[in-house]
Amino acid sequence: MKKITLQLSIPITGYSHGKDFTLELDDDATIVDALAAVDKYIIEHPDESIFPLYDGYIHHYLQLFIDLEEEKFYDDVGISPYAPDDQGLLRKFNPIKEDIYFPLYPDSVINLQVDVGC
């Protein structure tokens, strides 16, 4: 098992609204697995969602950030996907933009923000 922190943020009415999710995942877990774990948590705790997933447009965070048919992040998603290096600094890069099925490094901190003007 490994720990992954997902920092998800969405600009709402001119402000960036976000939330951190700390997850315990299997050793071979990917960003798809991490977002699916957040979705499962939000289904069980809907009051902890950073925006209304239930209103019929976006049903899951996974759907918001990743196009599973194309197997890639949407173009308007900002990504900062780092894990600690040998000195404990967040400089070890997870190449998840190129490969959404890349096994995440343990203790990764991954920041995803939609609609950042990329």
Protein backbone atom coordinates (compact mmCIF):
# COMPACT_ATOMS: atom_id res chain seq x y z
CA MET A 1 0.00 0.00 0.00
CA LYS A 2 1.10 3.57 -0.69
CA LYS A 3 -0.14 6.99 0.33
CA ILE A 4 -1.13 9.51 -2.35
CA THR A 5 -2.43 13.04 -1.79
CA LEU A 6 -4.68 14.49 -4.47
CA GLN A 7 -5.21 18.24 -4.38
CA LEU A 8 -8.21 19.00 -6.57
CA SER A 9 -9.26 22.55 -7.37
CA ILE A 10 -11.84 24.15 -9.57
CA PRO A 11 -12.32 27.87 -10.25
CA ILE A 12 -15.80 28.86 -9.14
CA THR A 13 -17.09 32.45 -9.55
CA GLY A 14 -13.60 33.90 -9.82
CA TYR A 15 -12.09 31.95 -6.93
CA SER A 16 -10.24 28.67 -6.84
CA HIS A 17 -12.05 26.23 -4.58
CA GLY A 18 -10.19 23.08 -3.65
CA LYS A 19 -9.76 20.15 -1.34
CA ASP A 20 -7.03 17.68 -0.47
CA PHE A 21 -7.74 13.95 -0.40
CA THR A 22 -5.20 11.61 1.21
CA LEU A 23 -5.59 8.05 -0.05
CA GLU A 24 -4.17 4.62 0.76
CA LEU A 25 -3.87 2.76 -2.55
CA ASP A 26 -2.37 -0.46 -3.89
CA ASP A 27 1.31 -0.31 -4.84
CA ASP A 28 0.51 -0.38 -8.57
CA ALA A 29 -2.18 2.35 -8.38
CA THR A 30 -2.40 4.98 -11.12
CA ILE A 31 -3.97 8.43 -11.29
CA VAL A 32 -7.11 6.74 -12.65
CA ASP A 33 -7.25 4.57 -9.51
CA ALA A 34 -6.64 7.60 -7.28
CA LEU A 35 -9.46 9.63 -8.86
CA ALA A 36 -11.77 6.59 -8.72
CA ALA A 37 -11.01 6.30 -4.98
CA VAL A 38 -11.91 9.98 -4.50
CA ASP A 39 -15.14 9.42 -6.46
CA LYS A 40 -16.03 6.47 -4.23
CA TYR A 41 -15.37 8.58 -1.13
CA ILE A 42 -17.52 11.46 -2.46
CA ILE A 43 -20.39 9.10 -3.26
CA GLU A 44 -20.30 8.03 0.39
CA HIS A 45 -19.74 11.62 1.68
CA PRO A 46 -21.43 13.98 -0.83
CA ASP A 47 -21.18 16.96 1.55
CA GLU A 48 -17.38 16.88 1.07
CA SER A 49 -17.50 17.50 -2.68
CA ILE A 50 -15.97 20.80 -3.83
CA PHE A 51 -18.77 21.32 -6.33
CA PRO A 52 -22.16 19.72 -7.01
CA LEU A 53 -21.43 16.46 -8.81
CA TYR A 54 -25.06 15.41 -8.51
CA ASP A 55 -26.76 17.97 -10.75
CA GLY A 56 -26.58 15.91 -13.93
CA TYR A 57 -23.61 17.36 -15.81
CA ILE A 58 -20.48 15.99 -14.17
CA HIS A 59 -20.98 12.76 -12.26
CA HIS A 60 -17.41 12.02 -11.15
CA TYR A 61 -14.08 13.77 -10.64
CA LEU A 62 -12.52 11.17 -12.95
CA GLN A 63 -14.88 12.35 -15.70
CA LEU A 64 -13.93 15.97 -15.01
CA PHE A 65 -10.17 15.53 -15.41
CA ILE A 66 -9.58 12.54 -17.73
CA ASP A 67 -11.02 11.48 -21.08
CA LEU A 68 -10.97 7.70 -20.66
CA GLU A 69 -11.87 7.05 -24.30
CA GLU A 70 -8.78 8.97 -25.43
CA GLU A 71 -6.80 7.81 -22.34
CA LYS A 72 -5.52 11.31 -21.58
CA PHE A 73 -6.12 14.37 -19.44
CA TYR A 74 -8.30 17.07 -20.93
CA ASP A 75 -6.32 19.99 -22.37
CA ASP A 76 -7.67 22.45 -19.79
CA VAL A 77 -6.33 20.53 -16.77
CA GLY A 78 -3.31 21.87 -14.95
CA ILE A 79 -1.16 19.10 -13.47
CA SER A 80 1.57 19.16 -10.82
CA PRO A 81 2.46 15.48 -10.18
CA TYR A 82 5.43 15.12 -7.82
CA ALA A 83 6.73 12.67 -5.23
CA PRO A 84 9.56 13.07 -2.74
CA ASP A 85 13.07 12.50 -4.05
CA ASP A 86 15.95 11.01 -2.02
CA GLN A 87 16.21 14.26 -0.03
CA GLY A 88 12.46 14.31 0.70
CA LEU A 89 11.75 17.22 -1.66
CA LEU A 90 8.80 17.03 -4.07
CA ARG A 91 10.92 16.79 -7.22
CA LYS A 92 10.36 13.23 -8.45
CA PHE A 93 8.10 13.60 -11.49
CA ASN A 94 5.17 11.26 -12.18
CA PRO A 95 4.72 11.33 -16.00
CA ILE A 96 0.94 10.98 -15.77
CA LYS A 97 0.15 13.48 -18.51
CA GLU A 98 1.90 11.21 -21.01
CA ASP A 99 0.59 7.97 -19.46
CA ILE A 100 -2.50 7.96 -17.23
CA TYR A 101 -1.71 4.35 -16.32
CA PHE A 102 1.76 5.13 -14.92
CA PRO A 103 2.06 3.58 -11.40
CA LEU A 104 2.27 6.56 -9.04
CA TYR A 105 5.29 6.90 -6.78
CA PRO A 106 4.59 6.45 -3.06
CA ASP A 107 3.85 9.66 -1.12
CA SER A 108 3.07 11.57 -4.31
CA VAL A 109 1.30 14.90 -4.03
CA ILE A 110 -0.67 15.50 -7.20
CA ASN A 111 -2.37 18.81 -7.83
CA LEU A 112 -5.06 18.89 -10.51
CA GLN A 113 -6.86 22.06 -11.48
CA VAL A 114 -9.43 22.31 -14.22
CA ASP A 115 -9.80 25.33 -16.50
CA VAL A 116 -6.52 27.05 -15.71
CA GLY A 117 -6.26 28.68 -19.13
CA CYS A 118 -3.75 26.16 -20.50
